[in-house]
């Protein structure tokens, strides 16, 4: 990587059990992860209160509520914000009014809006539109199910990073090798899930990612 550009690590807790998620979050936070994500399965399993628990267990770290909101943008963003989220994910495929409502709540409650481009057919064009609307980040996300027969779309990531002014997030099956490639492509946040959460030592796995990002 060139210069002193900081690439931040976000750990995705796509788990079902709160206690396990909190245990991993604590280890990852202590190992230096910049952002801790309450994954969609975790929120659905344990409720939005898990965001509050993560905020407590990982002080000083940003907490993402991966809501993947498709409708009711204001209500779901408000819900996550009141639970303590610093960042909330909205689907880029959502209606523009949903995006606007999420942005309205984001401004009112002081949270950043991440638009997830998962399964968006024209991600670069849509990302430019979302940028004009005022979102804080866009995420190029290869979903867990998509990873079974698709490779991460590095060319699209590079194009997004070249053409957008807002930060681009990379997610989808990333490990200690792939994070280097997405960082070189220009991603400012890399999201790592199972490489860390399914490892024997999540803290050590976090440190490994942090070291290669440096």
C-alpha atoms as a PDB file:
ATOM      1  CA  UNK A   1       0.000   0.000   0.000  1.00  0.00           C
ATOM      2  CA  UNK A   2       1.162   3.480  -0.774  1.00  0.00           C
ATOM      3  CA  UNK A   3       1.788   6.320   1.625  1.00  0.00           C
ATOM      4  CA  UNK A   4       0.140   6.374   5.032  1.00  0.00           C
ATOM      5  CA  UNK A   5      -3.427   5.495   4.003  1.00  0.00           C
ATOM      6  CA  UNK A   6      -5.160   3.789   6.889  1.00  0.00           C
ATOM      7  CA  UNK A   7      -7.175   0.720   5.941  1.00  0.00           C
ATOM      8  CA  UNK A   8      -9.580  -0.119   8.733  1.00  0.00           C
ATOM      9  CA  UNK A   9     -10.594  -3.632   9.759  1.00  0.00           C
ATOM     10  CA  UNK A  10     -14.239  -4.416  10.465  1.00  0.00           C
ATOM     11  CA  UNK A  11     -15.009  -7.784  12.056  1.00  0.00           C
ATOM     12  CA  UNK A  12     -18.372  -9.233  11.019  1.00  0.00           C
ATOM     13  CA  UNK A  13     -20.074 -11.273  13.715  1.00  0.00           C
ATOM     14  CA  UNK A  14     -22.423 -13.358  11.579  1.00  0.00           C
ATOM     15  CA  UNK A  15     -23.234 -15.642  14.487  1.00  0.00           C
ATOM     16  CA  UNK A  16     -26.425 -16.690  16.239  1.00  0.00           C
ATOM     17  CA  UNK A  17     -25.390 -16.769  19.916  1.00  0.00           C
ATOM     18  CA  UNK A  18     -24.833 -13.511  21.783  1.00  0.00           C
ATOM     19  CA  UNK A  19     -22.370 -14.813  24.378  1.00  0.00           C
ATOM     20  CA  UNK A  20     -20.101 -16.259  21.701  1.00  0.00           C
ATOM     21  CA  UNK A  21     -20.316 -13.054  19.683  1.00  0.00           C
ATOM     22  CA  UNK A  22     -19.422 -10.915  22.701  1.00  0.00           C
ATOM     23  CA  UNK A  23     -16.485 -13.136  23.558  1.00  0.00           C
ATOM     24  CA  UNK A  24     -15.095 -12.819  20.033  1.00  0.00           C
ATOM     25  CA  UNK A  25     -15.827  -9.082  19.916  1.00  0.00           C
ATOM     26  CA  UNK A  26     -13.826  -8.493  23.087  1.00  0.00           C
ATOM     27  CA  UNK A  27     -10.831 -10.410  21.738  1.00  0.00           C
ATOM     28  CA  UNK A  28     -10.971  -8.644  18.369  1.00  0.00           C
ATOM     29  CA  UNK A  29     -11.311  -5.235  19.970  1.00  0.00           C
ATOM     30  CA  UNK A  30      -8.340  -5.862  22.241  1.00  0.00           C
ATOM     31  CA  UNK A  31      -6.333  -7.068  19.223  1.00  0.00           C
ATOM     32  CA  UNK A  32      -6.909  -3.751  17.450  1.00  0.00           C
ATOM     33  CA  UNK A  33      -9.905  -4.204  15.145  1.00  0.00           C
ATOM     34  CA  UNK A  34     -11.265  -0.757  14.327  1.00  0.00           C
ATOM     35  CA  UNK A  35     -14.941  -1.651  13.821  1.00  0.00           C
ATOM     36  CA  UNK A  36     -17.165  -4.402  15.226  1.00  0.00           C
ATOM     37  CA  UNK A  37     -20.239  -5.458  13.277  1.00  0.00           C
ATOM     38  CA  UNK A  38     -23.421  -6.935  14.660  1.00  0.00           C
ATOM     39  CA  UNK A  39     -24.161  -9.188  11.693  1.00  0.00           C
ATOM     40  CA  UNK A  40     -27.663  -9.606  10.311  1.00  0.00           C
ATOM     41  CA  UNK A  41     -28.055 -13.192  11.646  1.00  0.00           C
ATOM     42  CA  UNK A  42     -26.946 -12.036  15.106  1.00  0.00           C
ATOM     43  CA  UNK A  43     -29.438  -9.167  15.182  1.00  0.00           C
ATOM     44  CA  UNK A  44     -32.241 -11.432  13.990  1.00  0.00           C
ATOM     45  CA  UNK A  45     -31.362 -14.115  16.531  1.00  0.00           C
ATOM     46  CA  UNK A  46     -30.697 -11.959  19.588  1.00  0.00           C
ATOM     47  CA  UNK A  47     -32.495  -8.700  18.842  1.00  0.00           C
ATOM     48  CA  UNK A  48     -31.236  -5.149  18.428  1.00  0.00           C
ATOM     49  CA  UNK A  49     -30.103  -5.109  22.065  1.00  0.00           C
ATOM     50  CA  UNK A  50     -26.990  -7.025  21.018  1.00  0.00           C
ATOM     51  CA  UNK A  51     -25.734  -3.749  19.528  1.00  0.00           C
ATOM     52  CA  UNK A  52     -25.858  -2.212  23.010  1.00  0.00           C
ATOM     53  CA  UNK A  53     -23.960  -5.193  24.395  1.00  0.00           C
ATOM     54  CA  UNK A  54     -21.261  -4.856  21.733  1.00  0.00           C
ATOM     55  CA  UNK A  55     -20.922  -1.149  22.491  1.00  0.00           C
ATOM     56  CA  UNK A  56     -20.252  -2.042  26.112  1.00  0.00           C
ATOM     57  CA  UNK A  57     -17.842  -4.905  25.446  1.00  0.00           C
ATOM     58  CA  UNK A  58     -15.802  -3.017  22.822  1.00  0.00           C
ATOM     59  CA  UNK A  59     -15.384   0.535  24.151  1.00  0.00           C
ATOM     60  CA  UNK A  60     -13.799   2.991  21.770  1.00  0.00           C
ATOM     61  CA  UNK A  61     -14.687   0.914  18.703  1.00  0.00           C
ATOM     62  CA  UNK A  62     -17.290   1.816  16.124  1.00  0.00           C
ATOM     63  CA  UNK A  63     -20.252  -0.546  16.117  1.00  0.00           C
ATOM     64  CA  UNK A  64     -22.079  -1.378  12.911  1.00  0.00           C
ATOM     65  CA  UNK A  65     -25.656  -2.624  12.868  1.00  0.00           C
ATOM     66  CA  UNK A  66     -25.860  -4.659   9.670  1.00  0.00           C
ATOM     67  CA  UNK A  67     -29.590  -4.140   9.258  1.00  0.00           C
ATOM     68  CA  UNK A  68     -29.651  -4.653   5.466  1.00  0.00           C
ATOM     69  CA  UNK A  69     -32.701  -2.416   5.455  1.00  0.00           C
ATOM     70  CA  UNK A  70     -34.887  -2.652   2.345  1.00  0.00           C
ATOM     71  CA  UNK A  71     -37.829  -0.592   3.613  1.00  0.00           C
ATOM     72  CA  UNK A  72     -38.725   1.643   6.594  1.00  0.00           C
ATOM     73  CA  UNK A  73     -35.357   3.379   6.359  1.00  0.00           C
ATOM     74  CA  UNK A  74     -36.071   5.946   9.060  1.00  0.00           C
ATOM     75  CA  UNK A  75     -37.503   3.519  11.622  1.00  0.00           C
ATOM     76  CA  UNK A  76     -34.777   0.885  11.313  1.00  0.00           C
ATOM     77  CA  UNK A  77     -31.964   3.433  11.354  1.00  0.00           C
ATOM     78  CA  UNK A  78     -33.495   5.086  14.435  1.00  0.00           C
ATOM     79  CA  UNK A  79     -33.851   1.688  16.096  1.00  0.00           C
ATOM     80  CA  UNK A  80     -30.180   0.869  15.534  1.00  0.00           C
ATOM     81  CA  UNK A  81     -29.028   4.337  16.563  1.00  0.00           C
ATOM     82  CA  UNK A  82     -30.935   4.211  19.836  1.00  0.00           C
ATOM     83  CA  UNK A  83     -29.290   0.855  20.567  1.00  0.00           C
ATOM     84  CA  UNK A  84     -25.871   2.489  20.222  1.00  0.00           C
ATOM     85  CA  UNK A  85     -24.875   1.837  16.610  1.00  0.00           C
ATOM     86  CA  UNK A  86     -22.399   4.217  15.000  1.00  0.00           C
ATOM     87  CA  UNK A  87     -23.002   2.917  11.478  1.00  0.00           C
ATOM     88  CA  UNK A  88     -26.074   1.303   9.894  1.00  0.00           C
ATOM     89  CA  UNK A  89     -26.283  -0.675   6.655  1.00  0.00           C
ATOM     90  CA  UNK A  90     -29.041  -0.059   4.099  1.00  0.00           C
ATOM     91  CA  UNK A  91     -29.401  -2.081   0.909  1.00  0.00           C
ATOM     92  CA  UNK A  92     -28.351  -0.215  -2.201  1.00  0.00           C
ATOM     93  CA  UNK A  93     -31.170  -1.989  -4.018  1.00  0.00           C
ATOM     94  CA  UNK A  94     -33.720  -0.232  -1.799  1.00  0.00           C
ATOM     95  CA  UNK A  95     -35.989   2.488  -3.131  1.00  0.00           C
ATOM     96  CA  UNK A  96     -34.466   5.963  -3.120  1.00  0.00           C
ATOM     97  CA  UNK A  97     -37.083   7.104  -0.626  1.00  0.00           C
ATOM     98  CA  UNK A  98     -35.843   4.410   1.773  1.00  0.00           C
ATOM     99  CA  UNK A  99     -32.298   5.704   1.357  1.00  0.00           C
ATOM    100  CA  UNK A 100     -33.443   9.279   1.972  1.00  0.00           C
ATOM    101  CA  UNK A 101     -35.350   8.273   5.096  1.00  0.00           C
ATOM    102  CA  UNK A 102     -32.297   6.416   6.420  1.00  0.00           C
ATOM    103  CA  UNK A 103     -30.142   9.471   5.747  1.00  0.00           C
ATOM    104  CA  UNK A 104     -32.665  11.661   7.551  1.00  0.00           C
ATOM    105  CA  UNK A 105     -32.492   9.435  10.627  1.00  0.00           C
ATOM    106  CA  UNK A 106     -28.719   9.250  10.326  1.00  0.00           C
ATOM    107  CA  UNK A 107     -28.472  13.030  10.517  1.00  0.00           C
ATOM    108  CA  UNK A 108     -30.930  13.238  13.411  1.00  0.00           C
ATOM    109  CA  UNK A 109     -29.304  10.529  15.497  1.00  0.00           C
ATOM    110  CA  UNK A 110     -25.667  10.913  14.504  1.00  0.00           C
ATOM    111  CA  UNK A 111     -25.052   7.635  12.694  1.00  0.00           C
ATOM    112  CA  UNK A 112     -23.311   6.972   9.381  1.00  0.00           C
ATOM    113  CA  UNK A 113     -25.120   5.224   6.543  1.00  0.00           C
ATOM    114  CA  UNK A 114     -23.453   2.382   4.650  1.00  0.00           C
ATOM    115  CA  UNK A 115     -25.146   1.297   1.420  1.00  0.00           C
ATOM    116  CA  UNK A 116     -24.575  -2.374   0.674  1.00  0.00           C
ATOM    117  CA  UNK A 117     -24.375  -3.080  -3.071  1.00  0.00           C
ATOM    118  CA  UNK A 118     -25.066  -6.798  -2.696  1.00  0.00           C
ATOM    119  CA  UNK A 119     -26.834  -8.098  -5.823  1.00  0.00           C
ATOM    120  CA  UNK A 120     -27.072  -4.631  -7.396  1.00  0.00           C
ATOM    121  CA  UNK A 121     -26.872  -5.153 -11.165  1.00  0.00           C
ATOM    122  CA  UNK A 122     -24.994  -1.942 -12.021  1.00  0.00           C
ATOM    123  CA  UNK A 123     -22.951  -1.284  -8.877  1.00  0.00           C
ATOM    124  CA  UNK A 124     -20.783   1.570 -10.185  1.00  0.00           C
ATOM    125  CA  UNK A 125     -23.709   3.565 -11.560  1.00  0.00           C
ATOM    126  CA  UNK A 126     -25.805   2.923  -8.458  1.00  0.00           C
ATOM    127  CA  UNK A 127     -22.890   3.845  -6.170  1.00  0.00           C
ATOM    128  CA  UNK A 128     -22.507   7.190  -7.943  1.00  0.00           C
ATOM    129  CA  UNK A 129     -26.207   7.870  -7.437  1.00  0.00           C
ATOM    130  CA  UNK A 130     -25.956   6.929  -3.765  1.00  0.00           C
ATOM    131  CA  UNK A 131     -22.963   9.204  -3.355  1.00  0.00           C
ATOM    132  CA  UNK A 132     -24.943  12.103  -4.816  1.00  0.00           C
ATOM    133  CA  UNK A 133     -27.716  11.347  -2.331  1.00  0.00           C
ATOM    134  CA  UNK A 134     -25.272  11.731   0.530  1.00  0.00           C
ATOM    135  CA  UNK A 135     -24.517   8.248   1.862  1.00  0.00           C
ATOM    136  CA  UNK A 136     -21.338   7.945   3.897  1.00  0.00           C
ATOM    137  CA  UNK A 137     -20.000   4.664   2.481  1.00  0.00           C
ATOM    138  CA  UNK A 138     -20.779   2.090  -0.168  1.00  0.00           C
ATOM    139  CA  UNK A 139     -19.905  -1.568   0.328  1.00  0.00           C
ATOM    140  CA  UNK A 140     -19.069  -3.966  -2.495  1.00  0.00           C
ATOM    141  CA  UNK A 141     -20.281  -7.163  -0.882  1.00  0.00           C
ATOM    142  CA  UNK A 142     -20.066 -10.715  -2.214  1.00  0.00           C
ATOM    143  CA  UNK A 143     -22.624 -12.530  -0.068  1.00  0.00           C
ATOM    144  CA  UNK A 144     -22.005 -15.811   1.726  1.00  0.00           C
ATOM    145  CA  UNK A 145     -24.272 -17.727  -0.652  1.00  0.00           C
ATOM    146  CA  UNK A 146     -22.745 -16.000  -3.688  1.00  0.00           C
ATOM    147  CA  UNK A 147     -19.252 -17.054  -2.605  1.00  0.00           C
ATOM    148  CA  UNK A 148     -20.108 -20.665  -3.423  1.00  0.00           C
ATOM    149  CA  UNK A 149     -19.776 -20.035  -7.153  1.00  0.00           C
ATOM    150  CA  UNK A 150     -18.343 -16.520  -7.570  1.00  0.00           C
ATOM    151  CA  UNK A 151     -14.983 -14.833  -7.072  1.00  0.00           C
ATOM    152  CA  UNK A 152     -14.643 -11.437  -5.456  1.00  0.00           C
ATOM    153  CA  UNK A 153     -15.134  -8.732  -8.155  1.00  0.00           C
ATOM    154  CA  UNK A 154     -11.807  -6.896  -7.858  1.00  0.00           C
ATOM    155  CA  UNK A 155     -12.209  -4.963 -11.171  1.00  0.00           C
ATOM    156  CA  UNK A 156     -15.495  -3.460  -9.982  1.00  0.00           C
ATOM    157  CA  UNK A 157     -13.919  -2.598  -6.635  1.00  0.00           C
ATOM    158  CA  UNK A 158     -11.063  -0.782  -8.350  1.00  0.00           C
ATOM    159  CA  UNK A 159     -13.503   1.172 -10.516  1.00  0.00           C
ATOM    160  CA  UNK A 160     -15.565   2.174  -7.485  1.00  0.00           C
ATOM    161  CA  UNK A 161     -12.474   3.352  -5.636  1.00  0.00           C
ATOM    162  CA  UNK A 162     -11.296   5.332  -8.659  1.00  0.00           C
ATOM    163  CA  UNK A 163     -14.607   7.057  -9.380  1.00  0.00           C
ATOM    164  CA  UNK A 164     -16.085   7.737  -5.933  1.00  0.00           C
ATOM    165  CA  UNK A 165     -15.068  10.330  -3.372  1.00  0.00           C
ATOM    166  CA  UNK A 166     -16.709   8.548  -0.432  1.00  0.00           C
ATOM    167  CA  UNK A 167     -14.986   5.548   1.186  1.00  0.00           C
ATOM    168  CA  UNK A 168     -15.535   2.117  -0.328  1.00  0.00           C
ATOM    169  CA  UNK A 169     -15.955  -0.948   1.882  1.00  0.00           C
ATOM    170  CA  UNK A 170     -15.003  -4.460   0.714  1.00  0.00           C
ATOM    171  CA  UNK A 171     -16.703  -7.578   2.075  1.00  0.00           C
ATOM    172  CA  UNK A 172     -17.147 -11.186   1.104  1.00  0.00           C
ATOM    173  CA  UNK A 173     -14.993 -14.157   2.009  1.00  0.00           C
ATOM    174  CA  UNK A 174     -11.907 -12.076   2.767  1.00  0.00           C
ATOM    175  CA  UNK A 175      -8.919 -13.621   4.495  1.00  0.00           C
ATOM    176  CA  UNK A 176      -5.314 -12.622   5.262  1.00  0.00           C
ATOM    177  CA  UNK A 177      -4.413 -12.784   1.555  1.00  0.00           C
ATOM    178  CA  UNK A 178      -7.516 -11.261  -0.043  1.00  0.00           C
ATOM    179  CA  UNK A 179      -7.514  -8.232   2.280  1.00  0.00           C
ATOM    180  CA  UNK A 180      -4.204  -7.196   0.746  1.00  0.00           C
ATOM    181  CA  UNK A 181      -5.724  -7.260  -2.737  1.00  0.00           C
ATOM    182  CA  UNK A 182      -8.810  -5.259  -1.789  1.00  0.00           C
ATOM    183  CA  UNK A 183      -6.662  -2.744   0.098  1.00  0.00           C
ATOM    184  CA  UNK A 184      -4.448  -2.335  -2.965  1.00  0.00           C
ATOM    185  CA  UNK A 185      -7.583  -1.772  -5.021  1.00  0.00           C
ATOM    186  CA  UNK A 186      -8.417   1.189  -2.789  1.00  0.00           C
ATOM    187  CA  UNK A 187     -10.868  -0.105  -0.177  1.00  0.00           C
ATOM    188  CA  UNK A 188     -10.764   1.954   3.000  1.00  0.00           C
ATOM    189  CA  UNK A 189     -12.565  -0.600   5.165  1.00  0.00           C
ATOM    190  CA  UNK A 190     -12.162  -4.364   4.822  1.00  0.00           C
ATOM    191  CA  UNK A 191     -14.738  -6.630   6.419  1.00  0.00           C
ATOM    192  CA  UNK A 192     -13.534 -10.009   7.637  1.00  0.00           C
ATOM    193  CA  UNK A 193     -15.889 -12.590   9.078  1.00  0.00           C
ATOM    194  CA  UNK A 194     -15.325 -16.326   9.224  1.00  0.00           C
ATOM    195  CA  UNK A 195     -11.532 -16.122   8.875  1.00  0.00           C
ATOM    196  CA  UNK A 196     -11.616 -14.549  12.329  1.00  0.00           C
ATOM    197  CA  UNK A 197     -14.818 -15.825  13.929  1.00  0.00           C
ATOM    198  CA  UNK A 198     -14.219 -19.479  13.023  1.00  0.00           C
ATOM    199  CA  UNK A 199     -10.535 -19.488  13.920  1.00  0.00           C
ATOM    200  CA  UNK A 200      -9.205 -21.209  17.037  1.00  0.00           C
ATOM    201  CA  UNK A 201      -7.912 -17.848  18.292  1.00  0.00           C
ATOM    202  CA  UNK A 202      -9.942 -14.854  17.033  1.00  0.00           C
ATOM    203  CA  UNK A 203      -7.578 -12.402  18.687  1.00  0.00           C
ATOM    204  CA  UNK A 204      -4.564 -13.880  16.944  1.00  0.00           C
ATOM    205  CA  UNK A 205      -6.412 -13.987  13.609  1.00  0.00           C
ATOM    206  CA  UNK A 206      -7.305 -10.314  14.048  1.00  0.00           C
ATOM    207  CA  UNK A 207      -3.680  -9.430  14.696  1.00  0.00           C
ATOM    208  CA  UNK A 208      -2.681 -11.326  11.560  1.00  0.00           C
ATOM    209  CA  UNK A 209      -5.081  -9.257   9.449  1.00  0.00           C
ATOM    210  CA  UNK A 210      -3.924  -6.040  11.107  1.00  0.00           C
ATOM    211  CA  UNK A 211      -0.294  -6.914  10.412  1.00  0.00           C
ATOM    212  CA  UNK A 212      -0.816  -7.588   6.722  1.00  0.00           C
ATOM    213  CA  UNK A 213      -2.859  -4.391   6.354  1.00  0.00           C
ATOM    214  CA  UNK A 214       0.083  -2.435   7.742  1.00  0.00           C
END
